[in-house]
C-alpha atoms as a PDB file:
ATOM      1  CA  MET A   1     -57.722   5.931  26.799  1.00  0.00           C
ATOM      2  CA  VAL A   2     -58.202   9.109  28.726  1.00  0.00           C
ATOM      3  CA  GLY A   3     -55.784  11.899  27.748  1.00  0.00           C
ATOM      4  CA  ARG A   4     -53.227  13.354  30.082  1.00  0.00           C
ATOM      5  CA  ARG A   5     -55.089  16.636  30.525  1.00  0.00           C
ATOM      6  CA  THR A   6     -58.166  14.731  31.694  1.00  0.00           C
ATOM      7  CA  VAL A   7     -56.049  12.785  34.168  1.00  0.00           C
ATOM      8  CA  VAL A   8     -54.585  15.935  35.619  1.00  0.00           C
ATOM      9  CA  ALA A   9     -57.912  17.727  35.800  1.00  0.00           C
ATOM     10  CA  ALA A  10     -59.421  14.815  37.697  1.00  0.00           C
ATOM     11  CA  ALA A  11     -56.542  14.347  40.086  1.00  0.00           C
ATOM     12  CA  LEU A  12     -55.168  17.772  40.729  1.00  0.00           C
ATOM     13  CA  GLY A  13     -57.745  19.095  43.103  1.00  0.00           C
ATOM     14  CA  LEU A  14     -55.734  17.181  45.698  1.00  0.00           C
ATOM     15  CA  ALA A  15     -52.204  17.456  44.362  1.00  0.00           C
ATOM     16  CA  ALA A  16     -49.382  18.837  46.483  1.00  0.00           C
ATOM     17  CA  ALA A  17     -51.787  20.444  48.936  1.00  0.00           C
ATOM     18  CA  ALA A  18     -50.184  18.281  51.601  1.00  0.00           C
ATOM     19  CA  CYS A  19     -47.120  20.491  51.547  1.00  0.00           C
ATOM     20  CA  GLY A  20     -48.051  22.636  54.502  1.00  0.00           C
ATOM     21  CA  ALA A  21     -51.565  23.509  53.341  1.00  0.00           C
ATOM     22  CA  PRO A  22     -54.696  22.425  55.266  1.00  0.00           C
ATOM     23  CA  ARG A  23     -55.425  18.771  54.540  1.00  0.00           C
ATOM     24  CA  ARG A  24     -58.803  17.711  53.229  1.00  0.00           C
ATOM     25  CA  THR A  25     -60.420  14.495  54.350  1.00  0.00           C
ATOM     26  CA  ALA A  26     -59.745  11.291  52.506  1.00  0.00           C
ATOM     27  CA  GLU A  27     -63.463  10.811  51.936  1.00  0.00           C
ATOM     28  CA  ARG A  28     -63.397  13.777  49.557  1.00  0.00           C
ATOM     29  CA  ALA A  29     -60.390  12.461  47.664  1.00  0.00           C
ATOM     30  CA  ALA A  30     -60.973  11.005  44.255  1.00  0.00           C
ATOM     31  CA  VAL A  31     -59.183   7.732  43.692  1.00  0.00           C
ATOM     32  CA  GLY A  32     -57.954   6.809  40.292  1.00  0.00           C
ATOM     33  CA  ALA A  33     -55.611   7.661  37.498  1.00  0.00           C
ATOM     34  CA  ALA A  34     -56.144   6.934  33.860  1.00  0.00           C
ATOM     35  CA  ALA A  35     -53.356   6.000  31.501  1.00  0.00           C
ATOM     36  CA  PRO A  36     -51.122   8.861  30.362  1.00  0.00           C
ATOM     37  CA  ASP A  37     -50.386   9.629  26.763  1.00  0.00           C
ATOM     38  CA  ALA A  38     -47.368   7.880  25.320  1.00  0.00           C
ATOM     39  CA  PRO A  39     -44.079   9.408  26.440  1.00  0.00           C
ATOM     40  CA  SER A  40     -42.319  11.515  23.880  1.00  0.00           C
ATOM     41  CA  GLY A  41     -38.823  10.466  24.875  1.00  0.00           C
ATOM     42  CA  PRO A  42     -36.593   9.367  27.719  1.00  0.00           C
ATOM     43  CA  PRO A  43     -35.974  11.687  30.628  1.00  0.00           C
ATOM     44  CA  SER A  44     -32.529  12.897  31.383  1.00  0.00           C
ATOM     45  CA  GLY A  45     -30.620  14.897  33.944  1.00  0.00           C
ATOM     46  CA  PRO A  46     -28.550  18.026  33.450  1.00  0.00           C
ATOM     47  CA  PRO A  47     -26.724  18.459  30.141  1.00  0.00           C
ATOM     48  CA  SER A  48     -23.756  16.124  29.703  1.00  0.00           C
ATOM     49  CA  PRO A  49     -20.349  17.309  28.556  1.00  0.00           C
ATOM     50  CA  ALA A  50     -20.162  17.704  24.811  1.00  0.00           C
ATOM     51  CA  PRO A  51     -17.962  15.402  22.690  1.00  0.00           C
ATOM     52  CA  GLY A  52     -14.338  16.126  23.417  1.00  0.00           C
ATOM     53  CA  GLY A  53     -14.975  16.724  27.098  1.00  0.00           C
ATOM     54  CA  THR A  54     -16.111  20.347  26.858  1.00  0.00           C
ATOM     55  CA  ARG A  55     -18.628  21.512  29.418  1.00  0.00           C
ATOM     56  CA  PRO A  56     -22.093  22.775  28.485  1.00  0.00           C
ATOM     57  CA  PRO A  57     -22.659  26.515  28.851  1.00  0.00           C
ATOM     58  CA  ALA A  58     -23.000  27.762  32.400  1.00  0.00           C
ATOM     59  CA  PRO A  59     -26.560  28.539  33.477  1.00  0.00           C
ATOM     60  CA  PRO A  60     -27.554  32.184  33.251  1.00  0.00           C
ATOM     61  CA  THR A  61     -26.936  34.505  36.129  1.00  0.00           C
ATOM     62  CA  ARG A  62     -29.751  36.218  37.946  1.00  0.00           C
ATOM     63  CA  GLU A  63     -29.003  39.444  36.074  1.00  0.00           C
ATOM     64  CA  GLN A  64     -29.117  37.664  32.726  1.00  0.00           C
ATOM     65  CA  VAL A  65     -32.486  36.152  33.621  1.00  0.00           C
ATOM     66  CA  LEU A  66     -33.838  39.575  34.527  1.00  0.00           C
ATOM     67  CA  ASP A  67     -32.715  40.934  31.165  1.00  0.00           C
ATOM     68  CA  ARG A  68     -33.813  37.937  29.112  1.00  0.00           C
ATOM     69  CA  TYR A  69     -37.253  37.409  30.614  1.00  0.00           C
ATOM     70  CA  ALA A  70     -38.307  40.969  31.388  1.00  0.00           C
ATOM     71  CA  GLY A  71     -41.622  41.763  29.759  1.00  0.00           C
ATOM     72  CA  ARG A  72     -42.453  38.207  28.677  1.00  0.00           C
ATOM     73  CA  ALA A  73     -46.161  37.648  29.108  1.00  0.00           C
ATOM     74  CA  PRO A  74     -47.119  34.003  29.728  1.00  0.00           C
ATOM     75  CA  GLN A  75     -50.215  32.600  28.059  1.00  0.00           C
ATOM     76  CA  GLN A  76     -50.529  29.292  29.914  1.00  0.00           C
ATOM     77  CA  TRP A  77     -50.917  28.251  33.550  1.00  0.00           C
ATOM     78  CA  GLY A  78     -51.291  24.850  35.151  1.00  0.00           C
ATOM     79  CA  THR A  79     -49.609  21.491  35.620  1.00  0.00           C
ATOM     80  CA  ASP A  80     -49.766  20.088  32.094  1.00  0.00           C
ATOM     81  CA  LEU A  81     -47.665  22.377  29.925  1.00  0.00           C
ATOM     82  CA  PRO A  82     -45.095  21.699  27.210  1.00  0.00           C
ATOM     83  CA  GLY A  83     -41.811  20.965  28.909  1.00  0.00           C
ATOM     84  CA  VAL A  84     -43.440  19.392  31.983  1.00  0.00           C
ATOM     85  CA  VAL A  85     -42.719  15.642  31.886  1.00  0.00           C
ATOM     86  CA  PRO A  86     -45.562  13.344  33.093  1.00  0.00           C
ATOM     87  CA  THR A  87     -44.362   9.945  31.861  1.00  0.00           C
ATOM     88  CA  VAL A  88     -41.308   7.725  31.446  1.00  0.00           C
ATOM     89  CA  PRO A  89     -40.537   5.300  28.625  1.00  0.00           C
ATOM     90  CA  ASP A  90     -40.534   1.528  28.357  1.00  0.00           C
ATOM     91  CA  GLY A  91     -43.536   0.836  30.572  1.00  0.00           C
ATOM     92  CA  ALA A  92     -41.865   1.518  33.910  1.00  0.00           C
ATOM     93  CA  LEU A  93     -43.404   3.358  36.839  1.00  0.00           C
ATOM     94  CA  ALA A  94     -41.535   6.329  38.274  1.00  0.00           C
ATOM     95  CA  LEU A  95     -42.449   6.915  41.905  1.00  0.00           C
ATOM     96  CA  THR A  96     -41.829  10.481  43.071  1.00  0.00           C
ATOM     97  CA  PHE A  97     -42.332  11.786  46.593  1.00  0.00           C
ATOM     98  CA  ASP A  98     -42.365  15.420  47.690  1.00  0.00           C
ATOM     99  CA  ALA A  99     -41.139  16.801  51.012  1.00  0.00           C
ATOM    100  CA  CYS A 100     -42.381  20.359  51.149  1.00  0.00           C
ATOM    101  CA  GLY A 101     -41.237  21.849  54.422  1.00  0.00           C
ATOM    102  CA  GLY A 102     -42.652  24.733  56.377  1.00  0.00           C
ATOM    103  CA  PRO A 103     -45.528  24.728  58.889  1.00  0.00           C
ATOM    104  CA  GLY A 104     -47.133  21.296  58.837  1.00  0.00           C
ATOM    105  CA  GLY A 105     -44.764  20.048  56.148  1.00  0.00           C
ATOM    106  CA  ASP A 106     -41.533  19.143  57.939  1.00  0.00           C
ATOM    107  CA  GLY A 107     -42.418  15.550  58.838  1.00  0.00           C
ATOM    108  CA  TYR A 108     -40.560  12.451  57.682  1.00  0.00           C
ATOM    109  CA  ASP A 109     -42.327   9.199  56.817  1.00  0.00           C
ATOM    110  CA  ALA A 110     -39.563   6.803  57.846  1.00  0.00           C
ATOM    111  CA  ALA A 111     -41.906   3.815  57.452  1.00  0.00           C
ATOM    112  CA  LEU A 112     -42.574   4.663  53.808  1.00  0.00           C
ATOM    113  CA  ILE A 113     -38.877   5.078  53.072  1.00  0.00           C
ATOM    114  CA  GLY A 114     -38.244   1.820  54.927  1.00  0.00           C
ATOM    115  CA  THR A 115     -40.729   0.011  52.692  1.00  0.00           C
ATOM    116  CA  LEU A 116     -38.985   1.291  49.559  1.00  0.00           C
ATOM    117  CA  ARG A 117     -35.642   0.159  50.930  1.00  0.00           C
ATOM    118  CA  ARG A 118     -36.870  -3.250  52.028  1.00  0.00           C
ATOM    119  CA  LEU A 119     -38.394  -3.955  48.626  1.00  0.00           C
ATOM    120  CA  ARG A 120     -35.534  -2.282  46.729  1.00  0.00           C
ATOM    121  CA  VAL A 121     -37.900   0.052  44.897  1.00  0.00           C
ATOM    122  CA  PRO A 122     -36.116   3.151  43.571  1.00  0.00           C
ATOM    123  CA  ALA A 123     -37.722   6.572  43.726  1.00  0.00           C
ATOM    124  CA  THR A 124     -37.097  10.255  43.087  1.00  0.00           C
ATOM    125  CA  LEU A 125     -37.495  12.452  46.163  1.00  0.00           C
ATOM    126  CA  PHE A 126     -38.216  16.157  45.715  1.00  0.00           C
ATOM    127  CA  LEU A 127     -36.888  18.179  48.653  1.00  0.00           C
ATOM    128  CA  ASN A 128     -37.820  21.727  49.575  1.00  0.00           C
ATOM    129  CA  SER A 129     -35.126  23.884  51.151  1.00  0.00           C
ATOM    130  CA  ARG A 130     -37.108  24.223  54.385  1.00  0.00           C
ATOM    131  CA  TRP A 131     -37.485  20.452  54.718  1.00  0.00           C
ATOM    132  CA  VAL A 132     -33.752  19.959  54.224  1.00  0.00           C
ATOM    133  CA  ASP A 133     -33.002  22.477  56.969  1.00  0.00           C
ATOM    134  CA  ALA A 134     -35.460  20.810  59.358  1.00  0.00           C
ATOM    135  CA  ASN A 135     -34.244  17.236  58.698  1.00  0.00           C
ATOM    136  CA  PRO A 136     -30.444  17.140  58.457  1.00  0.00           C
ATOM    137  CA  GLY A 137     -30.202  13.539  59.674  1.00  0.00           C
ATOM    138  CA  PRO A 138     -32.787  12.014  57.312  1.00  0.00           C
ATOM    139  CA  PHE A 139     -31.427  14.150  54.474  1.00  0.00           C
ATOM    140  CA  ALA A 140     -27.913  12.767  54.960  1.00  0.00           C
ATOM    141  CA  GLU A 141     -29.229   9.189  55.001  1.00  0.00           C
ATOM    142  CA  LEU A 142     -31.279   9.694  51.836  1.00  0.00           C
ATOM    143  CA  ALA A 143     -28.415  11.436  50.053  1.00  0.00           C
ATOM    144  CA  ALA A 144     -26.130   8.473  50.793  1.00  0.00           C
ATOM    145  CA  ASP A 145     -28.601   5.871  49.497  1.00  0.00           C
ATOM    146  CA  PRO A 146     -28.204   5.121  45.759  1.00  0.00           C
ATOM    147  CA  LEU A 147     -31.765   3.800  45.685  1.00  0.00           C
ATOM    148  CA  PHE A 148     -32.972   7.397  45.707  1.00  0.00           C
ATOM    149  CA  GLU A 149     -32.468  10.338  43.402  1.00  0.00           C
ATOM    150  CA  LEU A 150     -32.915  13.755  45.052  1.00  0.00           C
ATOM    151  CA  GLY A 151     -34.659  16.530  43.160  1.00  0.00           C
ATOM    152  CA  ASN A 152     -35.274  20.242  43.644  1.00  0.00           C
ATOM    153  CA  HIS A 153     -38.654  21.165  45.183  1.00  0.00           C
ATOM    154  CA  GLY A 154     -37.923  24.856  45.427  1.00  0.00           C
ATOM    155  CA  THR A 155     -36.835  27.250  48.113  1.00  0.00           C
ATOM    156  CA  ALA A 156     -40.114  28.509  49.589  1.00  0.00           C
ATOM    157  CA  HIS A 157     -42.519  25.986  47.991  1.00  0.00           C
ATOM    158  CA  ARG A 158     -44.231  28.433  45.654  1.00  0.00           C
ATOM    159  CA  PRO A 159     -46.000  27.920  42.336  1.00  0.00           C
ATOM    160  CA  LEU A 160     -43.532  28.937  39.641  1.00  0.00           C
ATOM    161  CA  SER A 161     -44.824  32.035  37.876  1.00  0.00           C
ATOM    162  CA  VAL A 162     -43.414  35.213  36.382  1.00  0.00           C
ATOM    163  CA  THR A 163     -46.580  37.176  37.196  1.00  0.00           C
ATOM    164  CA  GLY A 164     -47.502  36.082  40.735  1.00  0.00           C
ATOM    165  CA  ARG A 165     -50.178  33.552  39.800  1.00  0.00           C
ATOM    166  CA  SER A 166     -51.495  31.484  42.732  1.00  0.00           C
ATOM    167  CA  ALA A 167     -52.547  27.867  43.249  1.00  0.00           C
ATOM    168  CA  TYR A 168     -54.397  26.378  46.244  1.00  0.00           C
ATOM    169  CA  GLY A 169     -54.171  29.760  47.953  1.00  0.00           C
ATOM    170  CA  ILE A 170     -50.363  29.828  47.735  1.00  0.00           C
ATOM    171  CA  THR A 171     -49.024  32.924  46.007  1.00  0.00           C
ATOM    172  CA  GLY A 172     -46.645  32.176  43.184  1.00  0.00           C
ATOM    173  CA  THR A 173     -43.333  33.821  42.442  1.00  0.00           C
ATOM    174  CA  ALA A 174     -43.959  37.414  41.440  1.00  0.00           C
ATOM    175  CA  ASP A 175     -41.589  37.924  38.509  1.00  0.00           C
ATOM    176  CA  PRO A 176     -38.678  36.331  36.649  1.00  0.00           C
ATOM    177  CA  ALA A 177     -36.210  37.260  39.398  1.00  0.00           C
ATOM    178  CA  ALA A 178     -38.359  35.610  42.076  1.00  0.00           C
ATOM    179  CA  ALA A 179     -38.840  32.529  39.895  1.00  0.00           C
ATOM    180  CA  TYR A 180     -35.066  32.340  39.418  1.00  0.00           C
ATOM    181  CA  ASP A 181     -34.521  32.585  43.178  1.00  0.00           C
ATOM    182  CA  GLU A 182     -37.103  29.876  43.897  1.00  0.00           C
ATOM    183  CA  VAL A 183     -35.244  27.432  41.661  1.00  0.00           C
ATOM    184  CA  ALA A 184     -31.649  28.572  41.989  1.00  0.00           C
ATOM    185  CA  ALA A 185     -31.357  28.993  45.762  1.00  0.00           C
ATOM    186  CA  ASN A 186     -32.426  25.424  46.531  1.00  0.00           C
ATOM    187  CA  ARG A 187     -30.414  24.171  43.564  1.00  0.00           C
ATOM    188  CA  ALA A 188     -27.339  25.779  45.107  1.00  0.00           C
ATOM    189  CA  LYS A 189     -28.139  24.295  48.524  1.00  0.00           C
ATOM    190  CA  LEU A 190     -28.568  20.780  47.152  1.00  0.00           C
ATOM    191  CA  THR A 191     -25.486  21.090  44.942  1.00  0.00           C
ATOM    192  CA  ALA A 192     -23.359  22.108  47.917  1.00  0.00           C
ATOM    193  CA  LEU A 193     -24.686  19.256  50.063  1.00  0.00           C
ATOM    194  CA  LEU A 194     -24.649  16.541  47.404  1.00  0.00           C
ATOM    195  CA  GLY A 195     -21.580  17.543  45.424  1.00  0.00           C
ATOM    196  CA  ARG A 196     -23.650  17.541  42.244  1.00  0.00           C
ATOM    197  CA  ALA A 197     -26.558  19.532  40.891  1.00  0.00           C
ATOM    198  CA  PRO A 198     -30.067  18.056  40.878  1.00  0.00           C
ATOM    199  CA  GLY A 199     -31.360  17.114  37.453  1.00  0.00           C
ATOM    200  CA  TRP A 200     -35.078  17.560  38.100  1.00  0.00           C
ATOM    201  CA  PHE A 201     -37.339  20.265  39.519  1.00  0.00           C
ATOM    202  CA  ARG A 202     -40.934  20.269  40.729  1.00  0.00           C
ATOM    203  CA  ALA A 203     -42.522  23.500  41.926  1.00  0.00           C
ATOM    204  CA  GLY A 204     -44.625  23.848  45.029  1.00  0.00           C
ATOM    205  CA  THR A 205     -48.212  22.868  44.019  1.00  0.00           C
ATOM    206  CA  ALA A 206     -46.735  21.633  40.685  1.00  0.00           C
ATOM    207  CA  HIS A 207     -48.096  24.722  38.900  1.00  0.00           C
ATOM    208  CA  TYR A 208     -46.201  26.721  36.263  1.00  0.00           C
ATOM    209  CA  ASP A 209     -46.522  29.174  33.438  1.00  0.00           C
ATOM    210  CA  GLU A 210     -44.626  28.431  30.237  1.00  0.00           C
ATOM    211  CA  VAL A 211     -42.117  31.236  30.775  1.00  0.00           C
ATOM    212  CA  ALA A 212     -41.152  29.774  34.157  1.00  0.00           C
ATOM    213  CA  VAL A 213     -40.819  26.300  32.613  1.00  0.00           C
ATOM    214  CA  ALA A 214     -38.339  27.733  30.094  1.00  0.00           C
ATOM    215  CA  LEU A 215     -36.449  29.413  32.928  1.00  0.00           C
ATOM    216  CA  VAL A 216     -36.040  26.080  34.754  1.00  0.00           C
ATOM    217  CA  ALA A 217     -34.574  24.532  31.615  1.00  0.00           C
ATOM    218  CA  GLU A 218     -32.017  27.329  31.361  1.00  0.00           C
ATOM    219  CA  LEU A 219     -30.871  26.521  34.885  1.00  0.00           C
ATOM    220  CA  GLY A 220     -30.116  22.949  33.795  1.00  0.00           C
ATOM    221  CA  GLU A 221     -33.067  21.068  35.274  1.00  0.00           C
ATOM    222  CA  ARG A 222     -36.078  19.281  33.808  1.00  0.00           C
ATOM    223  CA  VAL A 223     -39.575  19.813  35.158  1.00  0.00           C
ATOM    224  CA  ALA A 224     -41.228  16.712  36.607  1.00  0.00           C
ATOM    225  CA  GLY A 225     -44.967  16.517  36.195  1.00  0.00           C
ATOM    226  CA  PHE A 226     -47.123  13.504  36.925  1.00  0.00           C
ATOM    227  CA  ALA A 227     -49.791  11.285  35.401  1.00  0.00           C
ATOM    228  CA  VAL A 228     -51.019   9.680  38.631  1.00  0.00           C
ATOM    229  CA  ASN A 229     -51.816  11.409  41.920  1.00  0.00           C
ATOM    230  CA  GLY A 230     -50.816   8.596  44.256  1.00  0.00           C
ATOM    231  CA  ASP A 231     -51.951   9.923  47.618  1.00  0.00           C
ATOM    232  CA  GLY A 232     -54.254  12.868  46.879  1.00  0.00           C
ATOM    233  CA  GLY A 233     -51.990  15.370  48.572  1.00  0.00           C
ATOM    234  CA  ALA A 234     -51.517  13.002  51.543  1.00  0.00           C
ATOM    235  CA  THR A 235     -55.287  12.810  52.118  1.00  0.00           C
ATOM    236  CA  PHE A 236     -55.994   9.319  50.760  1.00  0.00           C
ATOM    237  CA  THR A 237     -56.651   6.397  53.054  1.00  0.00           C
ATOM    238  CA  PRO A 238     -54.255   3.429  52.763  1.00  0.00           C
ATOM    239  CA  GLY A 239     -56.858   1.594  50.717  1.00  0.00           C
ATOM    240  CA  GLN A 240     -57.231   4.495  48.309  1.00  0.00           C
ATOM    241  CA  VAL A 241     -53.463   4.781  47.897  1.00  0.00           C
ATOM    242  CA  ALA A 242     -53.153   1.048  47.211  1.00  0.00           C
ATOM    243  CA  ALA A 243     -56.017   1.084  44.696  1.00  0.00           C
ATOM    244  CA  THR A 244     -54.595   4.092  42.868  1.00  0.00           C
ATOM    245  CA  LEU A 245     -51.167   2.492  42.555  1.00  0.00           C
ATOM    246  CA  ALA A 246     -52.665  -0.796  41.365  1.00  0.00           C
ATOM    247  CA  ALA A 247     -54.458   1.082  38.577  1.00  0.00           C
ATOM    248  CA  ALA A 248     -51.451   3.131  37.459  1.00  0.00           C
ATOM    249  CA  ALA A 249     -50.772   2.705  33.761  1.00  0.00           C
ATOM    250  CA  PRO A 250     -47.314   1.705  32.534  1.00  0.00           C
ATOM    251  CA  GLY A 251     -45.159   4.749  31.940  1.00  0.00           C
ATOM    252  CA  SER A 252     -46.759   6.873  34.640  1.00  0.00           C
ATOM    253  CA  ILE A 253     -44.926   9.282  36.885  1.00  0.00           C
ATOM    254  CA  VAL A 254     -46.663   8.985  40.263  1.00  0.00           C
ATOM    255  CA  ILE A 255     -46.689  11.901  42.710  1.00  0.00           C
ATOM    256  CA  SER A 256     -47.012  11.299  46.457  1.00  0.00           C
ATOM    257  CA  HIS A 257     -45.569  12.736  49.667  1.00  0.00           C
ATOM    258  CA  PHE A 258     -43.154  11.524  52.311  1.00  0.00           C
ATOM    259  CA  ASN A 259     -43.460  14.453  54.704  1.00  0.00           C
ATOM    260  CA  HIS A 260     -46.687  13.280  56.381  1.00  0.00           C
ATOM    261  CA  PRO A 261     -46.012  10.140  58.441  1.00  0.00           C
ATOM    262  CA  ASP A 262     -49.550  10.298  59.834  1.00  0.00           C
ATOM    263  CA  ALA A 263     -51.122  10.019  56.379  1.00  0.00           C
ATOM    264  CA  GLY A 264     -52.217   6.862  54.590  1.00  0.00           C
ATOM    265  CA  THR A 265     -49.377   7.073  52.095  1.00  0.00           C
ATOM    266  CA  GLY A 266     -46.875   4.781  53.806  1.00  0.00           C
ATOM    267  CA  GLU A 267     -49.304   1.986  54.598  1.00  0.00           C
ATOM    268  CA  GLY A 268     -50.876   2.249  51.151  1.00  0.00           C
ATOM    269  CA  TYR A 269     -47.528   1.772  49.450  1.00  0.00           C
ATOM    270  CA  ALA A 270     -46.688  -1.104  51.783  1.00  0.00           C
ATOM    271  CA  ARG A 271     -49.892  -2.823  50.658  1.00  0.00           C
ATOM    272  CA  ALA A 272     -49.524  -2.138  46.936  1.00  0.00           C
ATOM    273  CA  LEU A 273     -45.857  -2.576  46.125  1.00  0.00           C
ATOM    274  CA  PRO A 274     -45.439  -6.325  46.817  1.00  0.00           C
ATOM    275  CA  ALA A 275     -48.299  -7.179  44.467  1.00  0.00           C
ATOM    276  CA  LEU A 276     -46.970  -4.831  41.777  1.00  0.00           C
ATOM    277  CA  LEU A 277     -43.515  -6.398  42.036  1.00  0.00           C
ATOM    278  CA  ASP A 278     -44.994  -9.898  41.888  1.00  0.00           C
ATOM    279  CA  ALA A 279     -46.821  -8.844  38.718  1.00  0.00           C
ATOM    280  CA  GLY A 280     -43.533  -7.830  37.133  1.00  0.00           C
ATOM    281  CA  ARG A 281     -43.953  -4.077  37.315  1.00  0.00           C
ATOM    282  CA  ARG A 282     -40.654  -2.227  37.009  1.00  0.00           C
ATOM    283  CA  PHE A 283     -39.729   0.954  38.878  1.00  0.00           C
ATOM    284  CA  VAL A 284     -37.195   3.626  37.912  1.00  0.00           C
ATOM    285  CA  ARG A 285     -35.843   6.924  39.124  1.00  0.00           C
ATOM    286  CA  LEU A 286     -36.520   9.801  36.751  1.00  0.00           C
ATOM    287  CA  SER A 287     -32.959   9.969  35.471  1.00  0.00           C
ATOM    288  CA  ASP A 288     -32.554   6.204  34.961  1.00  0.00           C
END
């Protein structure tokens, strides 16, 4: 079985680039995803109240983050770090779709969402602040649909760094304060709109350093990685999307996009999902 780091290295040249970055051709996209390593434990949302009904500690303020993380020098950078969750337990598949916002990233793949609804396939949707602002109607519909869980995809769709590291030509957050703002501002927006805080976060480009991963945890969210790149950053053809999904190993978190209705993602899922359901494959949201 190929290890998770190999999976990510093979797939990530095309990950999350669909979120406003120039799209590469599907012919250059590599189809495939090997099985992830066994999950270490079940995912969960924000901390639950402690026994007796007491609330967990409030997340740190911006000033506390500045004090606590000042001078920390990260040693790791990438998509496959401790604290980044790529799998779910019990052999399910967790479909996750990013909507990144900004120039070229504000679209809405209504056909893809319609397929998920028609087949009753749950999914976790990661929403960037800019996409929410550009799509108030679709956002309201998705927020009202219990089939979907809505996650935090950041405020400006930046790699999450405390030193300004970049990925795919997108400059990451420059310091702990900027990393806090990237997570916390969209968390506040989603909390105000939904009436509850999101339980999961995925950074723009899905890149992190380990200090930033720890910062996300302090804000009460878990970091969603992936084991399968389902649509190659919205560059795969429908056939490539369908083949990749068919090959996804049990337990995989699958990353795709629902902000590019002109991509092959929607049709690929429409082809693949009926056969997967007929084969008994089970689908979950990340917090299920």
